[in-house]
Amino acid sequence: MSACPVAATAPAALADAPLPVLGHDVRVPLVTGGEVPYAALDYAASAPALRRVWDDVAAYAPYYGSVHRGAGYLSQLSTDLFESSRADVAAFLGCRPADQVVFTRSTTDSLNLLAAVVPAGTRVFVFETEHHASLLPWERREDVEVTYLDAPRTPGQAVRTLEEALAAREPYGPALVCVTGASNVTGELWPVRELAAAAHAHGARIVLDAAQLAPHHPVDVTELDVDWVAFSGHKLYAPFGAGVLAGRADWLQAGEPYLAGGGASRKVARRDGGGVDVEWHDTAARHEAGSPNVIGVYAIAAACKALTEAGFERLVEREQRLVEAVRAGLAEVPGVKVLSLFGDDAPRVGVISFVVEGWNSSHFAAALSAEYGIGVRDGLFCAHPLVRTLLGDESVEPGECGAPEAGPSLNALRVSFGAGTPDEHVERFVTAVGELVRDGARWSYRTEAGRCVPV
């Protein structure tokens, strides 16, 4: 079957221009009157779709058909596209020849899948600084022991903490380390290669949560020497609800299928006396039961191609310029504290969390949206232990809209951006933070369902 007749659009050519994304021309109303272009600065939650991804998916949509299910032309063509997307993702991640690429719903789904197939008796080591997607799946297995590692304050301390924990484990059996590549709270890069070396030196395997790393930096499984990598399409400029778990095949092949159903089974036969006998696939299909999300998978592959063709080197360089502009701007505003685990000099991606003295973070975020058309995030960012560590024990629950009831707010603000962010959005954000701190909000706000909203 020939490849799908979908013509990919050309990548952006301007070195200093953001990649074209959907929504750049959306205008939103302000409570103070008028409209402004919406500044989407919540990339760490979901990045806007790349125009290239949207166009590629739209070109394929008329040819959409069932995958691995039919002899008709559209079914065959969709199957070809689905499997070629698997190869594209493997190339994007620098996978080894024997690695499997399993398509899931998200990073969370990918890590829950891996947690379901780790061998009984496995010791799992995970830093308490992880996103909940990395922190929580392991304890659902009663035959798996989880060791939570304290928050390190330097990359070197992270490696030493892991080495000491692995060296102390008894009895010596299968072990797995789960670590993030870039923090979804501070944006700081973790020493993945060094942690992988430490894990392997002590006979353990390692899975990399690349949800925040893959959209900002190249992720090469072979170079980093990690055993698995997980990420989500919706953070990689590819909507439609798909994710990836890629890496070594043996635990995936030996584990029970993540879902039981069509597609995961190679053969099902009646059993004498009742019931059925099932022979499961040992390929990635083993964990992809049901009709797969072809659109989501193809969107991820299209995003991988777009980022690769745009050149990660120039994307990283431009993003670092934006990071420096935001950090420099926030440093000039009295009462603003940027949260950091490894210190100001730590390398980081375009994810920055901060608190503002005298402000409830929900109130501040609401004012940025209602008065300036800027979308950021406030809260604990599905990383509660980490944010509370960074805020300190003196933090208190936020009260009604306005200042916290006493002391610093328990919540924080997060601004995040990437390859599609225009300079103007970052400049408007820095200006807005300064104006709000200096002059206060220009509108009244009330608490509704636990959140601050404009009256």
Protein backbone atom coordinates (compact mmCIF):
# COMPACT_ATOMS: atom_id res chain seq x y z
CA MET A 1 0.00 0.00 0.00
CA SER A 2 1.39 3.39 -0.94
CA ALA A 3 1.80 6.13 1.60
CA CYS A 4 -1.16 8.32 2.43
CA PRO A 5 -1.58 11.12 -0.14
CA VAL A 6 -1.04 13.86 2.45
CA ALA A 7 1.22 16.73 1.52
CA ALA A 8 3.11 18.07 4.52
CA THR A 9 3.32 21.82 4.82
CA ALA A 10 6.71 23.50 4.93
CA PRO A 11 8.27 24.31 8.32
CA ALA A 12 8.83 27.88 9.42
CA ALA A 13 11.91 29.39 7.80
CA LEU A 14 12.58 32.53 9.85
CA ALA A 15 15.22 31.92 12.51
CA ASP A 16 13.72 34.28 15.09
CA ALA A 17 10.03 33.75 14.32
CA PRO A 18 7.78 31.51 16.38
CA LEU A 19 6.44 28.38 14.71
CA PRO A 20 2.93 29.00 13.33
CA VAL A 21 0.30 27.77 15.79
CA LEU A 22 -3.48 27.87 15.89
CA GLY A 23 -5.00 30.59 18.01
CA HIS A 24 -2.39 33.29 17.44
CA ASP A 25 -5.10 35.58 16.03
CA VAL A 26 -7.80 34.84 18.63
CA ARG A 27 -8.99 38.02 20.33
CA VAL A 28 -10.52 38.02 23.81
CA PRO A 29 -12.56 40.67 25.64
CA LEU A 30 -11.21 42.60 28.64
CA VAL A 31 -13.37 43.52 31.60
CA THR A 32 -12.02 47.05 31.31
CA GLY A 33 -13.24 47.31 27.72
CA GLY A 34 -11.98 46.38 24.28
CA GLU A 35 -10.24 43.27 23.01
CA VAL A 36 -6.66 42.05 22.72
CA PRO A 37 -4.96 39.07 21.05
CA TYR A 38 -4.98 36.21 23.55
CA ALA A 39 -1.56 35.49 25.07
CA ALA A 40 -1.53 31.73 25.64
CA LEU A 41 1.16 31.26 28.28
CA ASP A 42 0.09 27.89 29.68
CA TYR A 43 2.08 25.63 27.36
CA ALA A 44 3.07 23.33 30.22
CA ALA A 45 -0.57 22.27 30.52
CA SER A 46 -1.41 22.07 26.81
CA ALA A 47 0.47 23.70 23.98
CA PRO A 48 -1.47 25.14 21.04
CA ALA A 49 -1.59 22.98 17.93
CA LEU A 50 1.05 23.65 15.33
CA ARG A 51 -0.44 24.86 12.07
CA ARG A 52 1.61 22.14 10.36
CA VAL A 53 -0.05 19.48 12.52
CA TRP A 54 -3.53 20.82 11.89
CA ASP A 55 -3.00 21.02 8.14
CA ASP A 56 -1.56 17.50 7.95
CA VAL A 57 -4.46 16.06 9.94
CA ALA A 58 -7.00 17.96 7.82
CA ALA A 59 -5.40 16.58 4.66
CA TYR A 60 -5.64 13.03 6.00
CA ALA A 61 -9.16 13.32 7.44
CA PRO A 62 -11.06 12.38 4.22
CA TYR A 63 -9.03 9.16 4.08
CA TYR A 64 -9.77 8.19 7.68
CA GLY A 65 -10.59 4.52 8.12
CA SER A 66 -10.36 1.63 10.56
CA VAL A 67 -6.86 0.47 11.44
CA HIS A 68 -5.79 -3.19 11.23
CA ARG A 69 -9.43 -4.05 10.63
CA GLY A 70 -10.24 -4.07 6.95
CA ALA A 71 -9.17 -4.92 3.42
CA GLY A 72 -10.60 -1.75 1.90
CA TYR A 73 -8.42 1.01 0.52
CA LEU A 74 -9.06 3.54 3.30
CA SER A 75 -8.47 0.93 5.99
CA GLN A 76 -5.24 -0.17 4.38
CA LEU A 77 -4.14 3.41 3.90
CA SER A 78 -4.95 4.33 7.52
CA THR A 79 -3.08 1.27 8.76
CA ASP A 80 -0.07 2.29 6.69
CA LEU A 81 -0.24 5.81 8.11
CA PHE A 82 -0.61 4.51 11.68
CA GLU A 83 2.44 2.26 11.43
CA SER A 84 4.55 4.82 9.57
CA SER A 85 3.71 7.26 12.38
CA ARG A 86 5.12 4.70 14.82
CA ALA A 87 8.37 4.69 12.83
CA ASP A 88 8.44 8.50 12.75
CA VAL A 89 8.07 8.71 16.52
CA ALA A 90 10.78 6.09 17.01
CA ALA A 91 13.12 8.15 14.83
CA PHE A 92 12.23 11.36 16.70
CA LEU A 93 13.14 9.65 20.00
CA GLY A 94 16.29 7.98 18.73
CA CYS A 95 14.96 4.57 19.70
CA ARG A 96 17.09 1.43 19.53
CA PRO A 97 16.22 -1.15 16.85
CA ALA A 98 14.57 -3.54 19.31
CA ASP A 99 12.56 -0.89 21.15
CA GLN A 100 8.78 -0.80 20.99
CA VAL A 101 6.66 2.33 20.53
CA VAL A 102 3.27 1.92 22.20
CA PHE A 103 0.59 4.52 21.62
CA THR A 104 -1.41 5.54 24.67
CA ARG A 105 -3.69 8.41 25.69
CA SER A 106 -1.12 10.54 27.54
CA THR A 107 2.01 10.53 29.71
CA THR A 108 -0.17 9.51 32.65
CA ASP A 109 -1.56 6.59 30.67
CA SER A 110 1.93 5.57 29.54
CA LEU A 111 3.33 5.46 33.07
CA ASN A 112 0.30 3.59 34.37
CA LEU A 113 0.82 1.07 31.58
CA LEU A 114 4.45 0.59 32.59
CA ALA A 115 3.44 0.31 36.25
CA ALA A 116 1.04 -2.48 35.27
CA VAL A 117 3.73 -4.59 33.58
CA VAL A 118 6.75 -4.24 35.88
CA PRO A 119 7.67 -7.65 37.31
CA ALA A 120 6.35 -8.61 40.72
CA GLY A 121 8.79 -7.70 43.45
CA THR A 122 10.20 -4.70 41.60
CA ARG A 123 11.54 -1.84 43.75
CA VAL A 124 10.55 1.50 42.27
CA PHE A 125 12.52 4.64 43.13
CA VAL A 126 10.89 8.00 42.46
CA PHE A 127 11.73 11.50 43.66
CA GLU A 128 8.96 13.23 45.60
CA THR A 129 9.44 16.17 43.22
CA GLU A 130 7.76 14.32 40.36
CA HIS A 131 4.50 15.22 38.64
CA HIS A 132 1.66 13.08 39.94
CA ALA A 133 1.70 11.10 36.68
CA SER A 134 5.15 9.82 37.69
CA LEU A 135 4.56 9.79 41.44
CA LEU A 136 1.29 7.92 41.87
CA PRO A 137 0.93 4.88 39.52
CA TRP A 138 3.36 2.57 41.30
CA GLU A 139 1.55 2.11 44.60
CA ARG A 140 -1.44 0.57 42.87
CA ARG A 141 0.62 -2.62 42.61
CA GLU A 142 0.58 -4.44 45.96
CA ASP A 143 3.52 -6.60 44.85
CA VAL A 144 5.73 -3.57 44.10
CA GLU A 145 7.65 -1.60 46.73
CA VAL A 146 8.01 2.15 46.23
CA THR A 147 10.80 4.27 47.68
CA TYR A 148 10.22 8.03 47.62
CA LEU A 149 13.41 10.06 47.48
CA ASP A 150 13.70 13.47 49.12
CA ALA A 151 13.84 16.59 46.98
CA PRO A 152 17.46 17.24 45.94
CA ARG A 153 18.78 20.79 45.90
CA THR A 154 21.39 20.27 43.19
CA PRO A 155 21.64 17.93 40.17
CA GLY A 156 24.65 16.29 41.79
CA GLN A 157 22.70 15.65 44.97
CA ALA A 158 19.96 14.00 42.90
CA VAL A 159 22.48 11.53 41.50
CA ARG A 160 24.04 10.83 44.92
CA THR A 161 20.64 10.37 46.55
CA LEU A 162 19.67 7.82 43.91
CA GLU A 163 22.99 5.97 44.14
CA GLU A 164 22.69 5.65 47.93
CA ALA A 165 19.10 4.42 47.73
CA LEU A 166 19.92 1.83 45.06
CA ALA A 167 22.98 0.59 46.92
CA ALA A 168 20.93 0.07 50.07
CA ARG A 169 18.13 -1.96 48.50
CA GLU A 170 17.64 -5.50 49.72
CA PRO A 171 16.93 -8.09 48.53
CA TYR A 172 18.64 -7.44 45.22
CA GLY A 173 16.01 -7.85 42.52
CA PRO A 174 14.40 -5.92 39.66
CA ALA A 175 14.40 -2.16 40.17
CA LEU A 176 13.04 0.81 38.26
CA VAL A 177 13.85 4.51 38.57
CA CYS A 178 11.29 7.06 37.41
CA VAL A 179 12.49 10.60 36.80
CA THR A 180 11.38 13.73 34.97
CA GLY A 181 13.42 15.34 32.23
CA ALA A 182 12.26 18.90 32.92
CA SER A 183 10.19 19.98 35.90
CA ASN A 184 6.63 21.05 35.15
CA VAL A 185 6.94 23.50 38.07
CA THR A 186 10.37 25.11 37.77
CA GLY A 187 11.29 24.16 34.20
CA GLU A 188 14.68 23.00 35.47
CA LEU A 189 16.45 20.25 33.54
CA TRP A 190 17.30 17.10 35.46
CA PRO A 191 20.59 15.19 34.99
CA VAL A 192 18.94 12.36 33.07
CA ARG A 193 22.08 10.85 31.56
CA GLU A 194 23.84 10.77 34.94
CA LEU A 195 20.79 9.30 36.67
CA ALA A 196 20.53 6.63 33.96
CA ALA A 197 24.18 5.73 34.46
CA ALA A 198 23.66 5.46 38.22
CA ALA A 199 20.58 3.28 37.74
CA HIS A 200 22.31 0.91 35.35
CA ALA A 201 25.42 0.71 37.52
CA HIS A 202 23.20 -0.73 40.27
CA GLY A 203 21.25 -3.08 38.02
CA ALA A 204 18.15 -0.90 37.78
CA ARG A 205 16.20 0.36 34.80
CA ILE A 206 14.98 3.92 34.28
CA VAL A 207 11.92 5.53 32.71
CA LEU A 208 12.01 9.16 31.64
CA ASP A 209 8.93 11.36 31.97
CA ALA A 210 9.57 13.62 28.98
CA ALA A 211 6.22 15.42 28.99
CA GLN A 212 7.92 18.79 29.57
CA LEU A 213 11.25 17.93 27.94
CA ALA A 214 10.22 16.65 24.51
CA PRO A 215 8.49 19.89 23.39
CA HIS A 216 11.57 21.96 24.25
CA HIS A 217 14.67 19.80 23.72
CA PRO A 218 15.72 16.80 21.64
CA VAL A 219 15.10 13.51 23.47
CA ASP A 220 17.37 10.70 22.31
CA VAL A 221 16.71 7.40 24.06
CA THR A 222 19.99 5.91 22.88
CA GLU A 223 22.13 8.90 23.85
CA LEU A 224 20.47 9.36 27.25
CA ASP A 225 20.59 5.57 27.75
CA VAL A 226 17.13 5.42 29.32
CA ASP A 227 15.08 2.26 29.14
CA TRP A 228 11.73 3.93 28.46
CA VAL A 229 10.43 7.38 27.67
CA ALA A 230 6.87 8.69 28.03
CA PHE A 231 5.30 11.87 26.72
CA SER A 232 1.97 13.40 25.65
CA GLY A 233 0.90 14.75 22.29
CA HIS A 234 -1.05 17.66 23.75
CA LYS A 235 2.14 19.16 25.18
CA LEU A 236 3.99 18.56 21.89
CA TYR A 237 1.68 20.82 19.84
CA ALA A 238 -0.48 17.83 18.81
CA PRO A 239 -4.05 17.71 20.15
CA PHE A 240 -6.49 14.77 19.87
CA GLY A 241 -5.55 12.86 23.02
CA ALA A 242 -2.65 10.53 22.25
CA GLY A 243 0.57 9.70 24.08
CA VAL A 244 3.64 7.52 23.75
CA LEU A 245 5.51 4.93 25.77
CA ALA A 246 8.68 3.86 23.97
CA GLY A 247 11.51 1.62 25.06
CA ARG A 248 12.61 -1.88 25.89
CA ALA A 249 10.25 -4.64 24.84
CA ASP A 250 10.82 -7.45 27.35
CA TRP A 251 8.71 -6.21 30.27
CA LEU A 252 6.05 -5.05 27.83
CA GLN A 253 5.96 -8.46 26.17
CA ALA A 254 5.89 -10.37 29.46
CA GLY A 255 3.25 -8.27 31.19
CA GLU A 256 -0.47 -8.79 30.95
CA PRO A 257 -2.07 -6.67 28.23
CA TYR A 258 -2.99 -3.23 29.54
CA LEU A 259 -6.50 -3.65 28.11
CA ALA A 260 -8.11 -6.92 27.09
CA GLY A 261 -9.86 -6.80 23.74
CA GLY A 262 -9.62 -6.84 19.99
CA GLY A 263 -6.30 -5.94 18.48
CA ALA A 264 -4.30 -7.10 21.52
CA SER A 265 -5.14 -10.75 20.90
CA ARG A 266 -3.54 -12.85 18.18
CA LYS A 267 -5.84 -15.84 18.61
CA VAL A 268 -8.85 -16.66 20.79
CA ALA A 269 -10.22 -20.20 20.99
CA ARG A 270 -12.86 -22.04 22.95
CA ARG A 271 -11.59 -23.98 25.92
CA ASP A 272 -12.86 -27.47 26.62
CA GLY A 273 -15.27 -27.21 29.51
CA GLY A 274 -16.03 -23.56 28.89
CA GLY A 275 -14.22 -20.28 28.65
CA VAL A 276 -11.60 -19.20 26.13
CA ASP A 277 -7.86 -19.47 25.63
CA VAL A 278 -6.11 -16.33 24.41
CA GLU A 279 -2.82 -15.90 22.64
CA TRP A 280 -1.73 -12.27 22.98
CA HIS A 281 0.47 -10.32 20.60
CA ASP A 282 4.04 -9.69 21.68
CA THR A 283 4.31 -6.52 19.59
CA ALA A 284 3.18 -3.03 20.62
CA ALA A 285 -0.35 -4.16 19.67
CA ARG A 286 -0.39 -6.17 22.91
CA HIS A 287 -1.14 -2.93 24.79
CA GLU A 288 -3.22 -1.17 22.13
CA ALA A 289 -6.53 -3.03 22.34
CA GLY A 290 -9.54 -1.48 20.67
CA SER A 291 -9.70 0.89 17.73
CA PRO A 292 -6.66 3.15 18.02
CA ASN A 293 -6.64 6.92 17.95
CA VAL A 294 -5.31 7.27 14.41
CA ILE A 295 -5.81 11.03 14.28
CA GLY A 296 -3.99 11.55 17.58
CA VAL A 297 -1.13 9.29 16.57
CA TYR A 298 -0.70 10.97 13.21
CA ALA A 299 -0.80 14.39 14.91
CA ILE A 300 2.11 13.36 17.16
CA ALA A 301 4.10 12.13 14.17
CA ALA A 302 3.40 15.38 12.31
CA ALA A 303 4.57 17.39 15.32
CA CYS A 304 7.75 15.31 15.58
CA LYS A 305 8.51 16.02 11.94
CA ALA A 306 7.73 19.73 12.26
CA LEU A 307 9.99 20.21 15.27
CA THR A 308 12.80 18.23 13.69
CA GLU A 309 12.61 20.12 10.41
CA ALA A 310 12.43 23.49 12.17
CA GLY A 311 15.69 22.64 13.94
CA PHE A 312 15.75 22.10 17.67
CA GLU A 313 18.98 24.08 17.99
CA ARG A 314 17.35 27.30 16.84
CA LEU A 315 14.13 26.56 18.76
CA VAL A 316 16.11 26.09 21.98
CA GLU A 317 18.11 29.25 21.34
CA ARG A 318 15.00 31.35 20.78
CA GLU A 319 13.21 29.89 23.79
CA GLN A 320 16.17 30.62 26.04
CA ARG A 321 15.97 34.24 24.98
CA LEU A 322 12.34 34.30 26.10
CA VAL A 323 13.25 32.57 29.39
CA GLU A 324 15.89 35.19 30.09
CA ALA A 325 13.46 38.02 29.26
CA VAL A 326 10.82 36.70 31.65
CA ARG A 327 13.26 36.03 34.47
CA ALA A 328 14.89 39.44 34.06
CA GLY A 329 11.49 41.13 33.99
CA LEU A 330 10.21 39.34 37.10
CA ALA A 331 13.44 40.14 38.94
CA GLU A 332 12.63 43.84 38.55
CA VAL A 333 9.22 43.53 40.24
CA PRO A 334 9.21 43.93 44.04
CA GLY A 335 7.66 41.06 45.96
CA VAL A 336 7.96 38.49 43.17
CA LYS A 337 9.74 35.26 44.07
CA VAL A 338 10.61 32.74 41.36
CA LEU A 339 10.56 29.13 42.56
CA SER A 340 13.66 27.04 42.00
CA LEU A 341 14.98 23.71 43.19
CA PHE A 342 18.50 23.81 41.74
CA GLY A 343 19.17 27.56 41.88
CA ASP A 344 19.14 30.52 39.52
CA ASP A 345 21.93 29.20 37.29
CA ALA A 346 20.25 25.85 36.55
CA PRO A 347 19.41 25.27 32.88
CA ARG A 348 15.67 25.26 32.26
CA VAL A 349 12.95 25.23 29.64
CA GLY A 350 10.16 27.78 29.22
CA VAL A 351 8.34 26.94 32.45
CA ILE A 352 8.59 29.42 35.34
CA SER A 353 6.60 29.37 38.59
CA PHE A 354 6.47 32.24 41.05
CA VAL A 355 4.55 33.83 43.90
CA VAL A 356 3.70 37.49 44.50
CA GLU A 357 3.86 38.85 48.03
CA GLY A 358 0.46 39.94 49.30
CA TRP A 359 -1.46 38.27 46.47
CA ASN A 360 -3.64 35.21 46.33
CA SER A 361 -2.30 33.42 43.24
CA SER A 362 -5.80 32.71 41.92
CA HIS A 363 -6.62 36.41 42.18
CA PHE A 364 -3.45 37.36 40.32
CA ALA A 365 -4.09 34.85 37.55
CA ALA A 366 -7.69 36.03 37.20
CA ALA A 367 -6.53 39.64 36.87
CA LEU A 368 -3.97 38.71 34.22
CA SER A 369 -6.72 37.05 32.21
CA ALA A 370 -9.57 39.51 32.71
CA GLU A 371 -7.57 42.75 32.47
CA TYR A 372 -4.73 41.81 30.10
CA GLY A 373 -5.90 38.80 28.05
CA ILE A 374 -3.07 36.61 29.38
CA GLY A 375 -3.61 32.95 30.22
CA VAL A 376 -1.34 31.46 32.91
CA ARG A 377 -1.91 28.72 35.49
CA ASP A 378 -2.24 28.92 39.25
CA GLY A 379 -2.32 26.15 41.83
CA LEU A 380 -0.05 23.24 42.67
CA PHE A 381 0.37 22.00 39.09
CA CYS A 382 -0.25 18.30 39.87
CA ALA A 383 3.04 18.30 41.77
CA HIS A 384 1.81 19.02 45.29
CA PRO A 385 4.84 17.77 47.29
CA LEU A 386 7.27 19.74 45.12
CA VAL A 387 5.35 23.03 45.20
CA ARG A 388 4.85 22.80 48.95
CA THR A 389 8.56 22.11 49.41
CA LEU A 390 9.41 25.18 47.35
CA LEU A 391 6.89 27.41 49.12
CA GLY A 392 7.99 26.34 52.58
CA ASP A 393 6.19 25.20 55.68
CA GLU A 394 4.89 28.67 56.46
CA SER A 395 2.51 28.59 53.48
CA VAL A 396 -1.20 28.77 54.22
CA GLU A 397 -4.37 28.02 52.36
CA PRO A 398 -5.49 31.02 50.29
CA GLY A 399 -8.54 32.89 51.51
CA GLU A 400 -11.03 34.91 49.51
CA CYS A 401 -9.93 36.94 46.48
CA GLY A 402 -7.31 39.45 47.55
CA ALA A 403 -4.43 38.84 49.92
CA PRO A 404 -3.93 35.44 51.56
CA GLU A 405 -5.37 35.13 55.05
CA ALA A 406 -1.90 35.08 56.61
CA GLY A 407 1.56 34.66 55.20
CA PRO A 408 2.36 33.47 51.68
CA SER A 409 -0.28 31.67 49.62
CA LEU A 410 -0.11 27.90 49.42
CA ASN A 411 -0.56 28.15 45.65
CA ALA A 412 1.77 29.51 42.99
CA LEU A 413 1.54 31.00 39.51
CA ARG A 414 3.09 29.42 36.44
CA VAL A 415 3.90 31.00 33.11
CA SER A 416 4.99 28.66 30.31
CA PHE A 417 5.75 29.13 26.64
CA GLY A 418 7.51 27.49 23.72
CA ALA A 419 8.09 27.36 19.99
CA GLY A 420 4.84 29.13 19.11
CA THR A 421 5.07 32.03 21.56
CA PRO A 422 5.42 35.51 20.03
CA ASP A 423 7.78 37.98 21.73
CA GLU A 424 4.84 40.33 22.30
CA HIS A 425 3.09 37.83 24.57
CA VAL A 426 6.11 37.61 26.84
CA GLU A 427 6.57 41.38 26.85
CA ARG A 428 2.89 41.93 27.71
CA PHE A 429 3.11 39.43 30.53
CA VAL A 430 6.13 41.09 32.15
CA THR A 431 4.50 44.51 31.83
CA ALA A 432 1.23 43.23 33.31
CA VAL A 433 2.94 41.68 36.34
CA GLY A 434 4.69 44.97 37.06
CA GLU A 435 1.49 46.99 36.72
CA LEU A 436 -0.57 44.69 38.91
CA VAL A 437 2.03 44.73 41.68
CA ARG A 438 2.47 48.51 41.46
CA ASP A 439 -1.12 49.64 40.92
CA GLY A 440 -3.26 46.69 41.99
CA ALA A 441 -6.17 45.18 40.09
CA ARG A 442 -8.47 47.59 38.29
CA TRP A 443 -11.52 45.36 38.73
CA SER A 444 -13.35 43.67 41.58
CA TYR A 445 -13.19 39.88 41.97
CA ARG A 446 -15.12 37.33 43.97
CA THR A 447 -14.59 33.69 44.91
CA GLU A 448 -16.76 31.29 42.95
CA ALA A 449 -16.40 27.49 43.19
CA GLY A 450 -13.02 27.99 44.81
CA ARG A 451 -11.64 30.30 42.14
CA CYS A 452 -11.34 34.05 41.77
CA VAL A 453 -13.47 35.46 38.96
CA PRO A 454 -14.19 39.07 37.92
CA VAL A 455 -17.41 40.52 39.28
